[in-house]
Amino acid sequence: MIDSGGIINKCYCTGFVRANYMVSGGLAGQNKGTISNSYSSDTIYGNNTFVGGLVGRNGDSKSVAVIKNCYSTGKVNGYSSVGGLIGANSERSVVTNCHSTGYVNGRSTYAGGLAGLNEGDIDSCYSSGTITDSSQNTGGLVGFNYEGDISNSYSIRTVRGLICVGGVTGSNIRGSIRNCYSTGSVYGDSCIGGLSGYIESGTVSKCYSDCNVYGKIAYIGGIAGYNSSGRIQNCYSWSNLCYSGSGGDYFGGIAGSNYLGTISTSYSIGCVPSTQNSGGLVGSNNGAIDSSFWDKVSSKRNFSPGGTGLATAEMKTAATFIGAGWDFMDETANGTSDIWGINKVDNSGYPFLKWQGYLQDATVAYVKKDRAHNLRMERIGQIVISRAGIIQLVNLQGKVLRKSSFLSGNNCLELSGLPRGIFIACSGTERMHIIK
């Protein structure tokens, strides 16, 4: 055990660990101090609780422990609270800039790719590989997040469990998950989610999932299998839901069931199977859904008990979301937090989260007309000409950037893909100055 105030730095361990007692890890059973810049490639067999590839338990109710810049690559096998890096991260303890890539196997509850149980803070971490558990609360990153905070992290895992199985967390109880994502495959029976299998009074914000989610029985969702009094906000799902059993109930693009929960400013495009109580956005809804959408074409679902279904072209149009109050980059009417962005190339043309690092198509900030009776701005990034003729878009040096010839009627010239700057739209003697 590393006691309070103890420090381990630049250490590693390789080999084999077998333990029949509580709290076992590759480097240390329990950490109450600080571990940094260290790793473990041990194979761990723990026949009790709190089993981790690096540390069995980080902190406790009386101590604040820190693990930073560490990783684990070995196989971890345990009974409960089993994690690729740590078995459990206690209240107020911190894990930051860490990862695990080894196989994780749990035989009871709380198994996670990084941590089996989290009650503290996990930031800037990731997990990859395969995790299996024969019981409940199995997650690609964390098995059971209880009042903990998970941020800026991701999971690329194949996750297999029974009940409450998710790409990032199996369950999120009164905890917070933000700026996270999951890819890979998730398998289970009930309460299976691309991001979290079960949410109870917790929050998931600015996250996305892009998984194949396989459910045998009920409550299968792209973000959450079952959302009970939780909040899902500013999230999106590309996860495809797959029915792999004989019953099949409550499948939804965002949530299988939204029970007294809130879903807002979110969207889904993943395929939803035709089962009893399946919907494009949610399978069932006894809560609140606000300004949220699903793609009716890609999901193959025309109905949902909440949300708005749209055609693919509408789902790739900024005006759809800005008109619904979404906070996008380069607009201020809906706020200045700049949560979302959209362009014609990245994310296949669908909205993305700003933290993903893509660039927003610059929107028009100012338009000045000079005898431009037939030229107008109709929507973001688009010039409309209402007569036949040639329209050119030039920069201040006179270089022609776009040129099109139109027949009579309303025709559009797109501005997407242009950098910020000052441009002039010309058609005959008409001029329109545009600042992006």
Foldseek 3Di string as FASTA:
>chain_A
DQAAPGEAEQEEAEEEEEEADQQDERAESEHQEEYEHYEYAYAYHYEAAQYEHHTSEYHEPVGAYEYEHYEYEYETEYEALYEHGISEYYAAHEYEQYEYEYEYEYEEAQYEHHTSEYQEEYENYEGEEEYEYAYAQYEDHTSEYAQYEYELYEGEYEYYYAAQYEHGISEHEQYEYENYEGEEEYEYEAQYEPHTSYYAQYEYAQYEYAYAYEYAHAQYEHHISEYHQYEYEHYEYQYAYHHDYDADAQYEHHISEHHQYEYELYEYEYATDDHHQYAHHISYYPHYYALYEYECVSNVHPGDPDHYYDHPVLQLDPCSRVVRLDQAPQDPPNHDPHQWAAACPPPVSGIHGVVVPDDHFHWWDDKDKDPPPQWDDDDTFKIKGQAFFKKFKAAPVGDTDDIDGDHHGIDIDGRTPDDFDWIWIDTPPIIMITGD
